[in-house]
Amino acid sequence: MTTAVTAVTHRDPQAMRRLAGWLAALVIAWPMLALSEFKPWALFGSGNLAVIGDFLAGFFPPAGSPDFLALLAKATLETLAMATAGTALALLIGAPLAFVTTRALSISRIGPGPGRVQAGIVRQAARWLLMVLRAIPEIVWALLFVRALGLGPAAGVLALAITYGGMLGKVYAEILESTDTRPARALLESGSGRLAALCYGLLPHTAQELASYTVYRWECAVRASVVMGFVGAGGLGQLMDQSMKMLNGGEASSILLVFLALVLLADVMSNALRKLLA
C-alpha cells in the first residue's frame, strides 16, 4: 500500500503586489532624492566631523547666569502666550469653518428640498477659504505682520491664528466625517438643529481625538515660534537667533532644553485631556 504525500507550498498571495509597490516607491523616491541633493555621506567627509564636533562642544555646559535666565524666563512666557493666544484664535477661526464644511451636519443632504444648491456653494466656499488659510506658511504671515506691527509676539500670534485656523478647520471636519455619522443624521431627520446634532451625535465619539489634535497644534505652535522668532516675532525664537548670531552655544543649549520641557508639557496635557474625556 503506497501513501501519497502532497507537499503544500505556502506563499504570500500579496508578495508580487508588495514587490511592485516597493519598486514603484523606489522609482519615485530616487529622482526626488537626487533633485533635493540628498547626500548624507557628505557629513562624514574630511573635516566635516571636526566642524560638527566643535559646534556641538560649544553647547556644553548650558548657560545658567542669572541675567540670562531672567531673559530666558521672559522669552518662555512670551512663547507660551504667543502659542496659546494663536491657537485660541485659530480655534475661533477653524471650528466654525469645520462646522460649515462637515457634510454630516448638512440638513439639505437629508433629502430634496430648498436650499440644497445654496448650502453646497457655502460649504465649497468655506473649503476654499480653509485651503487659502493653510496654504500660506505662518513665516510669510509673520514677515507681513512684523512689517505692519513691528517687532514682538503680536505678529506671531496673528500669523499662527491664520495658518493654524485653516489647519484646524480642515482636520476637525475630517475627524467629524470619519466617525459614525448615523446618530447625527438621525437627529437631523427627527427635526433637531445642526448644533444639537454636533453636540449629541458627533462630539461624544470624537472629543478625545479633537482635543488631542488641538494640543498637538499648540505644541506645533510652540515649535513654530522658533522660526518666526528669526524674523522678529519675539519669544524664544528671537532669543535663539541672538544667541546663535553671538556664537553662544551655552545659551542656545539652555533654550533647547526649555523647548524640550515645553514639548513634554504638551504631551502630558494631551494624555490628561484624553483621560478626562474618556
C-alpha atoms as a PDB file:
ATOM      1  CA  MET A   1       0.000   0.000   0.000  1.00  0.00           C
ATOM      2  CA  THR A   2       1.517   3.290  -1.052  1.00  0.00           C
ATOM      3  CA  THR A   3       0.886   6.592   0.627  1.00  0.00           C
ATOM      4  CA  ALA A   4       0.962   9.692  -1.491  1.00  0.00           C
ATOM      5  CA  VAL A   5       2.428  12.678   0.239  1.00  0.00           C
ATOM      6  CA  THR A   6       1.383  16.008  -1.150  1.00  0.00           C
ATOM      7  CA  ALA A   7       3.732  18.873  -0.456  1.00  0.00           C
ATOM      8  CA  VAL A   8       1.955  22.070   0.379  1.00  0.00           C
ATOM      9  CA  THR A   9       3.764  25.192  -0.606  1.00  0.00           C
ATOM     10  CA  HIS A  10       2.990  28.264   1.456  1.00  0.00           C
ATOM     11  CA  ARG A  11       3.427  31.550  -0.387  1.00  0.00           C
ATOM     12  CA  ASP A  12       2.246  35.069   0.221  1.00  0.00           C
ATOM     13  CA  PRO A  13      -0.504  35.904  -2.306  1.00  0.00           C
ATOM     14  CA  GLN A  14       0.315  39.596  -1.934  1.00  0.00           C
ATOM     15  CA  ALA A  15       4.064  39.178  -2.481  1.00  0.00           C
ATOM     16  CA  MET A  16       4.094  40.420  -6.080  1.00  0.00           C
ATOM     17  CA  ARG A  17       1.880  43.378  -5.214  1.00  0.00           C
ATOM     18  CA  ARG A  18       4.142  44.381  -2.329  1.00  0.00           C
ATOM     19  CA  LEU A  19       7.229  43.989  -4.523  1.00  0.00           C
ATOM     20  CA  ALA A  20       5.649  46.170  -7.201  1.00  0.00           C
ATOM     21  CA  GLY A  21       4.789  48.758  -4.554  1.00  0.00           C
ATOM     22  CA  TRP A  22       8.360  48.885  -3.258  1.00  0.00           C
ATOM     23  CA  LEU A  23       9.739  49.170  -6.785  1.00  0.00           C
ATOM     24  CA  ALA A  24       7.286  51.982  -7.594  1.00  0.00           C
ATOM     25  CA  ALA A  25       8.256  53.806  -4.395  1.00  0.00           C
ATOM     26  CA  LEU A  26      11.939  53.450  -5.298  1.00  0.00           C
ATOM     27  CA  VAL A  27      11.356  54.742  -8.823  1.00  0.00           C
ATOM     28  CA  ILE A  28       9.537  57.781  -7.428  1.00  0.00           C
ATOM     29  CA  ALA A  29      11.801  58.443  -4.438  1.00  0.00           C
ATOM     30  CA  TRP A  30      15.165  58.159  -6.192  1.00  0.00           C
ATOM     31  CA  PRO A  31      14.693  61.148  -8.558  1.00  0.00           C
ATOM     32  CA  MET A  32      13.249  63.178  -5.663  1.00  0.00           C
ATOM     33  CA  LEU A  33      16.327  62.453  -3.536  1.00  0.00           C
ATOM     34  CA  ALA A  34      18.559  63.406  -6.458  1.00  0.00           C
ATOM     35  CA  LEU A  35      16.700  66.691  -7.057  1.00  0.00           C
ATOM     36  CA  SER A  36      16.883  67.577  -3.354  1.00  0.00           C
ATOM     37  CA  GLU A  37      20.649  66.904  -3.385  1.00  0.00           C
ATOM     38  CA  PHE A  38      20.297  64.457  -0.514  1.00  0.00           C
ATOM     39  CA  LYS A  39      23.863  63.371   0.207  1.00  0.00           C
ATOM     40  CA  PRO A  40      24.168  62.264   3.833  1.00  0.00           C
ATOM     41  CA  TRP A  41      27.617  60.814   3.235  1.00  0.00           C
ATOM     42  CA  ALA A  42      28.910  64.383   2.937  1.00  0.00           C
ATOM     43  CA  LEU A  43      28.612  64.640   6.717  1.00  0.00           C
ATOM     44  CA  PHE A  44      31.433  62.141   7.050  1.00  0.00           C
ATOM     45  CA  GLY A  45      33.752  63.963   4.659  1.00  0.00           C
ATOM     46  CA  SER A  46      37.199  65.154   5.635  1.00  0.00           C
ATOM     47  CA  GLY A  47      36.967  67.935   8.168  1.00  0.00           C
ATOM     48  CA  ASN A  48      33.157  67.938   8.404  1.00  0.00           C
ATOM     49  CA  LEU A  49      33.028  65.750  11.501  1.00  0.00           C
ATOM     50  CA  ALA A  50      35.544  68.004  13.233  1.00  0.00           C
ATOM     51  CA  VAL A  51      33.468  71.094  12.424  1.00  0.00           C
ATOM     52  CA  ILE A  52      30.291  69.406  13.710  1.00  0.00           C
ATOM     53  CA  GLY A  53      32.099  68.263  16.845  1.00  0.00           C
ATOM     54  CA  ASP A  54      33.412  71.750  17.597  1.00  0.00           C
ATOM     55  CA  PHE A  55      29.952  73.216  17.045  1.00  0.00           C
ATOM     56  CA  LEU A  56      28.276  70.730  19.402  1.00  0.00           C
ATOM     57  CA  ALA A  57      31.011  71.118  22.002  1.00  0.00           C
ATOM     58  CA  GLY A  58      30.081  74.785  22.310  1.00  0.00           C
ATOM     59  CA  PHE A  59      26.653  73.742  23.625  1.00  0.00           C
ATOM     60  CA  PHE A  60      28.151  72.465  26.893  1.00  0.00           C
ATOM     61  CA  PRO A  61      27.716  73.449  29.587  1.00  0.00           C
ATOM     62  CA  PRO A  62      24.304  75.176  29.236  1.00  0.00           C
ATOM     63  CA  ALA A  63      24.251  78.835  30.241  1.00  0.00           C
ATOM     64  CA  GLY A  64      22.923  79.492  33.747  1.00  0.00           C
ATOM     65  CA  SER A  65      23.793  83.066  34.628  1.00  0.00           C
ATOM     66  CA  PRO A  66      21.026  84.955  36.499  1.00  0.00           C
ATOM     67  CA  ASP A  67      20.765  87.654  33.818  1.00  0.00           C
ATOM     68  CA  PHE A  68      20.348  85.133  31.018  1.00  0.00           C
ATOM     69  CA  LEU A  69      17.889  83.008  33.000  1.00  0.00           C
ATOM     70  CA  ALA A  70      15.756  86.117  33.531  1.00  0.00           C
ATOM     71  CA  LEU A  71      15.757  86.750  29.770  1.00  0.00           C
ATOM     72  CA  LEU A  72      15.004  83.067  29.178  1.00  0.00           C
ATOM     73  CA  ALA A  73      12.033  83.118  31.568  1.00  0.00           C
ATOM     74  CA  LYS A  74      10.616  86.237  29.885  1.00  0.00           C
ATOM     75  CA  ALA A  75      11.061  84.716  26.400  1.00  0.00           C
ATOM     76  CA  THR A  76       9.455  81.458  27.565  1.00  0.00           C
ATOM     77  CA  LEU A  77       6.393  83.298  28.834  1.00  0.00           C
ATOM     78  CA  GLU A  78       6.213  85.195  25.530  1.00  0.00           C
ATOM     79  CA  THR A  79       6.385  81.929  23.593  1.00  0.00           C
ATOM     80  CA  LEU A  80       3.692  80.301  25.723  1.00  0.00           C
ATOM     81  CA  ALA A  81       1.491  83.372  25.385  1.00  0.00           C
ATOM     82  CA  MET A  82       2.078  83.503  21.615  1.00  0.00           C
ATOM     83  CA  ALA A  83       1.328  79.799  21.108  1.00  0.00           C
ATOM     84  CA  THR A  84      -1.714  79.810  23.392  1.00  0.00           C
ATOM     85  CA  ALA A  85      -3.244  83.016  22.021  1.00  0.00           C
ATOM     86  CA  GLY A  86      -2.514  81.988  18.438  1.00  0.00           C
ATOM     87  CA  THR A  87      -4.051  78.552  18.925  1.00  0.00           C
ATOM     88  CA  ALA A  88      -7.101  80.058  20.668  1.00  0.00           C
ATOM     89  CA  LEU A  89      -7.690  82.470  17.786  1.00  0.00           C
ATOM     90  CA  ALA A  90      -7.113  79.634  15.311  1.00  0.00           C
ATOM     91  CA  LEU A  91      -9.764  77.641  17.154  1.00  0.00           C
ATOM     92  CA  LEU A  92     -12.198  80.527  16.770  1.00  0.00           C
ATOM     93  CA  ILE A  93     -11.471  80.550  13.038  1.00  0.00           C
ATOM     94  CA  GLY A  94     -11.262  76.827  12.358  1.00  0.00           C
ATOM     95  CA  ALA A  95     -14.134  75.472  14.463  1.00  0.00           C
ATOM     96  CA  PRO A  96     -16.938  77.464  12.748  1.00  0.00           C
ATOM     97  CA  LEU A  97     -15.497  76.700   9.312  1.00  0.00           C
ATOM     98  CA  ALA A  98     -15.306  72.999  10.202  1.00  0.00           C
ATOM     99  CA  PHE A  99     -18.937  73.180  11.336  1.00  0.00           C
ATOM    100  CA  VAL A 100     -19.892  74.649   7.947  1.00  0.00           C
ATOM    101  CA  THR A 101     -17.871  72.187   5.847  1.00  0.00           C
ATOM    102  CA  THR A 102     -18.883  68.986   7.660  1.00  0.00           C
ATOM    103  CA  ARG A 103     -21.240  67.203   5.272  1.00  0.00           C
ATOM    104  CA  ALA A 104     -22.708  65.055   8.046  1.00  0.00           C
ATOM    105  CA  LEU A 105     -24.249  68.199   9.559  1.00  0.00           C
ATOM    106  CA  SER A 106     -25.851  69.399   6.323  1.00  0.00           C
ATOM    107  CA  ILE A 107     -29.640  69.453   6.648  1.00  0.00           C
ATOM    108  CA  SER A 108     -30.003  69.910   2.886  1.00  0.00           C
ATOM    109  CA  ARG A 109     -28.436  66.468   2.311  1.00  0.00           C
ATOM    110  CA  ILE A 110     -31.228  64.650   4.135  1.00  0.00           C
ATOM    111  CA  GLY A 111     -33.493  64.846   1.126  1.00  0.00           C
ATOM    112  CA  PRO A 112     -34.643  67.042  -1.726  1.00  0.00           C
ATOM    113  CA  GLY A 113     -35.737  70.493  -0.749  1.00  0.00           C
ATOM    114  CA  PRO A 114     -34.974  74.191  -0.995  1.00  0.00           C
ATOM    115  CA  GLY A 115     -31.529  75.452  -0.139  1.00  0.00           C
ATOM    116  CA  ARG A 116     -29.583  72.434  -1.365  1.00  0.00           C
ATOM    117  CA  VAL A 117     -27.660  74.371  -4.025  1.00  0.00           C
ATOM    118  CA  GLN A 118     -27.001  77.348  -1.732  1.00  0.00           C
ATOM    119  CA  ALA A 119     -25.749  75.052   1.032  1.00  0.00           C
ATOM    120  CA  GLY A 120     -23.365  73.365  -1.406  1.00  0.00           C
ATOM    121  CA  ILE A 121     -21.989  76.725  -2.537  1.00  0.00           C
ATOM    122  CA  VAL A 122     -21.446  77.917   1.038  1.00  0.00           C
ATOM    123  CA  ARG A 123     -19.776  74.635   2.000  1.00  0.00           C
ATOM    124  CA  GLN A 124     -17.431  74.753  -1.010  1.00  0.00           C
ATOM    125  CA  ALA A 125     -16.585  78.414  -0.367  1.00  0.00           C
ATOM    126  CA  ALA A 126     -15.668  77.551   3.226  1.00  0.00           C
ATOM    127  CA  ARG A 127     -13.404  74.757   1.988  1.00  0.00           C
ATOM    128  CA  TRP A 128     -11.632  77.119  -0.388  1.00  0.00           C
ATOM    129  CA  LEU A 129     -11.159  79.588   2.456  1.00  0.00           C
ATOM    130  CA  LEU A 130      -9.617  76.863   4.622  1.00  0.00           C
ATOM    131  CA  MET A 131      -7.321  75.938   1.745  1.00  0.00           C
ATOM    132  CA  VAL A 132      -6.153  79.545   1.321  1.00  0.00           C
ATOM    133  CA  LEU A 133      -5.557  79.977   5.062  1.00  0.00           C
ATOM    134  CA  ARG A 134      -3.394  76.900   5.428  1.00  0.00           C
ATOM    135  CA  ALA A 135      -1.632  77.248   2.055  1.00  0.00           C
ATOM    136  CA  ILE A 136       0.399  80.296   3.144  1.00  0.00           C
ATOM    137  CA  PRO A 137       3.043  79.352   5.766  1.00  0.00           C
ATOM    138  CA  GLU A 138       2.996  81.127   9.083  1.00  0.00           C
ATOM    139  CA  ILE A 139       6.501  82.506   8.453  1.00  0.00           C
ATOM    140  CA  VAL A 140       5.146  84.509   5.494  1.00  0.00           C
ATOM    141  CA  TRP A 141       2.337  85.952   7.610  1.00  0.00           C
ATOM    142  CA  ALA A 142       4.874  86.707  10.368  1.00  0.00           C
ATOM    143  CA  LEU A 143       7.033  88.686   7.922  1.00  0.00           C
ATOM    144  CA  LEU A 144       3.976  90.661   6.845  1.00  0.00           C
ATOM    145  CA  PHE A 145       2.754  91.415  10.364  1.00  0.00           C
ATOM    146  CA  VAL A 146       6.233  92.304  11.619  1.00  0.00           C
ATOM    147  CA  ARG A 147       6.307  94.991   8.945  1.00  0.00           C
ATOM    148  CA  ALA A 148       2.845  96.190   9.958  1.00  0.00           C
ATOM    149  CA  LEU A 149       3.010  95.859  13.762  1.00  0.00           C
ATOM    150  CA  GLY A 150       6.741  95.982  14.462  1.00  0.00           C
ATOM    151  CA  LEU A 151       8.889  93.504  16.373  1.00  0.00           C
ATOM    152  CA  GLY A 152       7.203  91.428  19.063  1.00  0.00           C
ATOM    153  CA  PRO A 153       4.957  88.421  19.681  1.00  0.00           C
ATOM    154  CA  ALA A 154       1.789  90.111  18.357  1.00  0.00           C
ATOM    155  CA  ALA A 155       2.918  89.372  14.796  1.00  0.00           C
ATOM    156  CA  GLY A 156       3.454  85.729  15.710  1.00  0.00           C
ATOM    157  CA  VAL A 157       0.003  85.441  17.287  1.00  0.00           C
ATOM    158  CA  LEU A 158      -1.735  86.656  14.130  1.00  0.00           C
ATOM    159  CA  ALA A 159       0.450  84.512  11.893  1.00  0.00           C
ATOM    160  CA  LEU A 160      -0.355  81.379  13.911  1.00  0.00           C
ATOM    161  CA  ALA A 161      -4.046  82.240  14.074  1.00  0.00           C
ATOM    162  CA  ILE A 162      -4.440  82.480  10.308  1.00  0.00           C
ATOM    163  CA  THR A 163      -2.416  79.454   9.215  1.00  0.00           C
ATOM    164  CA  TYR A 164      -3.440  77.179  12.087  1.00  0.00           C
ATOM    165  CA  GLY A 165      -7.068  78.249  11.699  1.00  0.00           C
ATOM    166  CA  GLY A 166      -7.031  76.683   8.239  1.00  0.00           C
ATOM    167  CA  MET A 167      -5.323  73.543   9.532  1.00  0.00           C
ATOM    168  CA  LEU A 168      -7.672  73.107  12.482  1.00  0.00           C
ATOM    169  CA  GLY A 169     -10.768  73.635  10.333  1.00  0.00           C
ATOM    170  CA  LYS A 170      -9.701  71.048   7.761  1.00  0.00           C
ATOM    171  CA  VAL A 171      -8.678  68.384  10.267  1.00  0.00           C
ATOM    172  CA  TYR A 172     -11.705  68.983  12.530  1.00  0.00           C
ATOM    173  CA  ALA A 173     -14.021  68.438   9.552  1.00  0.00           C
ATOM    174  CA  GLU A 174     -12.185  65.251   8.578  1.00  0.00           C
ATOM    175  CA  ILE A 175     -12.349  63.903  12.136  1.00  0.00           C
ATOM    176  CA  LEU A 176     -16.077  64.627  12.345  1.00  0.00           C
ATOM    177  CA  GLU A 177     -16.658  62.973   8.965  1.00  0.00           C
ATOM    178  CA  SER A 178     -14.592  59.889   9.787  1.00  0.00           C
ATOM    179  CA  THR A 179     -16.700  58.875  12.800  1.00  0.00           C
ATOM    180  CA  ASP A 180     -20.088  57.168  12.771  1.00  0.00           C
ATOM    181  CA  THR A 181     -22.389  59.875  11.415  1.00  0.00           C
ATOM    182  CA  ARG A 182     -25.635  57.900  11.786  1.00  0.00           C
ATOM    183  CA  PRO A 183     -26.558  59.404  15.198  1.00  0.00           C
ATOM    184  CA  ALA A 184     -26.166  62.927  13.804  1.00  0.00           C
ATOM    185  CA  ARG A 185     -28.218  62.058  10.736  1.00  0.00           C
ATOM    186  CA  ALA A 186     -30.951  60.523  12.894  1.00  0.00           C
ATOM    187  CA  LEU A 187     -31.118  63.690  14.979  1.00  0.00           C
ATOM    188  CA  LEU A 188     -31.349  65.868  11.874  1.00  0.00           C
ATOM    189  CA  GLU A 189     -34.078  63.669  10.366  1.00  0.00           C
ATOM    190  CA  SER A 190     -36.090  63.942  13.577  1.00  0.00           C
ATOM    191  CA  GLY A 191     -36.050  67.740  13.354  1.00  0.00           C
ATOM    192  CA  SER A 192     -33.072  68.540  15.544  1.00  0.00           C
ATOM    193  CA  GLY A 193     -30.846  71.526  14.783  1.00  0.00           C
ATOM    194  CA  ARG A 194     -27.306  71.250  13.440  1.00  0.00           C
ATOM    195  CA  LEU A 195     -25.699  72.369  16.698  1.00  0.00           C
ATOM    196  CA  ALA A 196     -27.572  69.714  18.676  1.00  0.00           C
ATOM    197  CA  ALA A 197     -26.598  67.092  16.080  1.00  0.00           C
ATOM    198  CA  LEU A 198     -22.972  68.127  16.510  1.00  0.00           C
ATOM    199  CA  CYS A 199     -23.039  68.099  20.311  1.00  0.00           C
ATOM    200  CA  TYR A 200     -25.006  64.860  20.770  1.00  0.00           C
ATOM    201  CA  GLY A 201     -24.338  62.986  17.544  1.00  0.00           C
ATOM    202  CA  LEU A 202     -20.673  63.592  16.657  1.00  0.00           C
ATOM    203  CA  LEU A 203     -18.748  65.075  19.587  1.00  0.00           C
ATOM    204  CA  PRO A 204     -19.262  62.120  22.000  1.00  0.00           C
ATOM    205  CA  HIS A 205     -17.307  59.918  19.567  1.00  0.00           C
ATOM    206  CA  THR A 206     -14.665  62.454  18.515  1.00  0.00           C
ATOM    207  CA  ALA A 207     -13.962  64.585  21.600  1.00  0.00           C
ATOM    208  CA  GLN A 208     -10.775  62.704  22.501  1.00  0.00           C
ATOM    209  CA  GLU A 209      -9.322  62.954  19.010  1.00  0.00           C
ATOM    210  CA  LEU A 210     -10.290  66.609  18.628  1.00  0.00           C
ATOM    211  CA  ALA A 211      -8.727  67.522  21.976  1.00  0.00           C
ATOM    212  CA  SER A 212      -5.570  65.546  21.220  1.00  0.00           C
ATOM    213  CA  TYR A 213      -5.133  67.220  17.847  1.00  0.00           C
ATOM    214  CA  THR A 214      -5.722  70.664  19.348  1.00  0.00           C
ATOM    215  CA  VAL A 215      -2.996  70.109  21.936  1.00  0.00           C
ATOM    216  CA  TYR A 216      -0.724  68.807  19.176  1.00  0.00           C
ATOM    217  CA  ARG A 217      -1.346  72.020  17.213  1.00  0.00           C
ATOM    218  CA  TRP A 218      -0.453  74.018  20.332  1.00  0.00           C
ATOM    219  CA  GLU A 219       2.786  72.049  20.548  1.00  0.00           C
ATOM    220  CA  CYS A 220       3.449  72.818  16.868  1.00  0.00           C
ATOM    221  CA  ALA A 221       2.768  76.495  17.593  1.00  0.00           C
ATOM    222  CA  VAL A 222       5.440  76.456  20.288  1.00  0.00           C
ATOM    223  CA  ARG A 223       7.931  74.994  17.821  1.00  0.00           C
ATOM    224  CA  ALA A 224       6.851  77.371  15.055  1.00  0.00           C
ATOM    225  CA  SER A 225       7.682  80.299  17.310  1.00  0.00           C
ATOM    226  CA  VAL A 226      11.366  79.408  16.865  1.00  0.00           C
ATOM    227  CA  VAL A 227      11.223  80.025  13.123  1.00  0.00           C
ATOM    228  CA  MET A 228       9.084  83.137  13.478  1.00  0.00           C
ATOM    229  CA  GLY A 229      11.443  84.482  16.123  1.00  0.00           C
ATOM    230  CA  PHE A 230      14.175  84.643  13.480  1.00  0.00           C
ATOM    231  CA  VAL A 231      12.119  87.276  11.638  1.00  0.00           C
ATOM    232  CA  GLY A 232      11.449  89.318  14.767  1.00  0.00           C
ATOM    233  CA  ALA A 233       8.243  87.773  16.102  1.00  0.00           C
ATOM    234  CA  GLY A 234       9.616  87.568  19.642  1.00  0.00           C
ATOM    235  CA  GLY A 235       9.713  84.713  22.117  1.00  0.00           C
ATOM    236  CA  LEU A 236      12.324  82.000  22.460  1.00  0.00           C
ATOM    237  CA  GLY A 237      12.991  82.048  18.729  1.00  0.00           C
ATOM    238  CA  GLN A 238      14.218  85.625  18.795  1.00  0.00           C
ATOM    239  CA  LEU A 239      16.407  84.835  21.807  1.00  0.00           C
ATOM    240  CA  MET A 240      17.761  81.789  19.975  1.00  0.00           C
ATOM    241  CA  ASP A 241      18.549  83.950  16.944  1.00  0.00           C
ATOM    242  CA  GLN A 242      20.532  86.377  19.100  1.00  0.00           C
ATOM    243  CA  SER A 243      22.438  83.550  20.813  1.00  0.00           C
ATOM    244  CA  MET A 244      23.317  81.863  17.531  1.00  0.00           C
ATOM    245  CA  LYS A 245      24.500  85.141  15.992  1.00  0.00           C
ATOM    246  CA  MET A 246      26.734  85.698  19.018  1.00  0.00           C
ATOM    247  CA  LEU A 247      28.009  82.091  18.681  1.00  0.00           C
ATOM    248  CA  ASN A 248      26.967  81.425  22.270  1.00  0.00           C
ATOM    249  CA  GLY A 249      26.292  77.693  22.283  1.00  0.00           C
ATOM    250  CA  GLY A 250      25.654  77.552  26.018  1.00  0.00           C
ATOM    251  CA  GLU A 251      22.693  79.918  25.736  1.00  0.00           C
ATOM    252  CA  ALA A 252      21.379  78.011  22.718  1.00  0.00           C
ATOM    253  CA  SER A 253      21.641  74.778  24.709  1.00  0.00           C
ATOM    254  CA  SER A 254      19.600  76.235  27.576  1.00  0.00           C
ATOM    255  CA  ILE A 255      16.927  77.398  25.118  1.00  0.00           C
ATOM    256  CA  LEU A 256      16.743  73.931  23.553  1.00  0.00           C
ATOM    257  CA  LEU A 257      16.293  72.376  26.995  1.00  0.00           C
ATOM    258  CA  VAL A 258      13.355  74.723  27.616  1.00  0.00           C
ATOM    259  CA  PHE A 259      11.849  73.658  24.294  1.00  0.00           C
ATOM    260  CA  LEU A 260      12.185  70.024  25.331  1.00  0.00           C
ATOM    261  CA  ALA A 261      10.376  70.793  28.584  1.00  0.00           C
ATOM    262  CA  LEU A 262       7.558  72.540  26.693  1.00  0.00           C
ATOM    263  CA  VAL A 263       7.110  69.556  24.371  1.00  0.00           C
ATOM    264  CA  LEU A 264       6.956  67.232  27.375  1.00  0.00           C
ATOM    265  CA  LEU A 265       4.357  69.566  28.920  1.00  0.00           C
ATOM    266  CA  ALA A 266       2.255  69.322  25.755  1.00  0.00           C
ATOM    267  CA  ASP A 267       2.470  65.518  25.863  1.00  0.00           C
ATOM    268  CA  VAL A 268       1.327  65.456  29.499  1.00  0.00           C
ATOM    269  CA  MET A 269      -1.560  67.808  28.692  1.00  0.00           C
ATOM    270  CA  SER A 270      -2.660  65.633  25.768  1.00  0.00           C
ATOM    271  CA  ASN A 271      -2.701  62.471  27.868  1.00  0.00           C
ATOM    272  CA  ALA A 272      -4.585  64.229  30.682  1.00  0.00           C
ATOM    273  CA  LEU A 273      -7.236  65.554  28.299  1.00  0.00           C
ATOM    274  CA  ARG A 274      -7.739  62.147  26.689  1.00  0.00           C
ATOM    275  CA  LYS A 275      -8.252  60.559  30.119  1.00  0.00           C
ATOM    276  CA  LEU A 276     -10.607  63.358  31.153  1.00  0.00           C
ATOM    277  CA  LEU A 277     -12.730  62.932  28.011  1.00  0.00           C
ATOM    278  CA  ALA A 278     -12.684  59.131  28.087  1.00  0.00           C
END
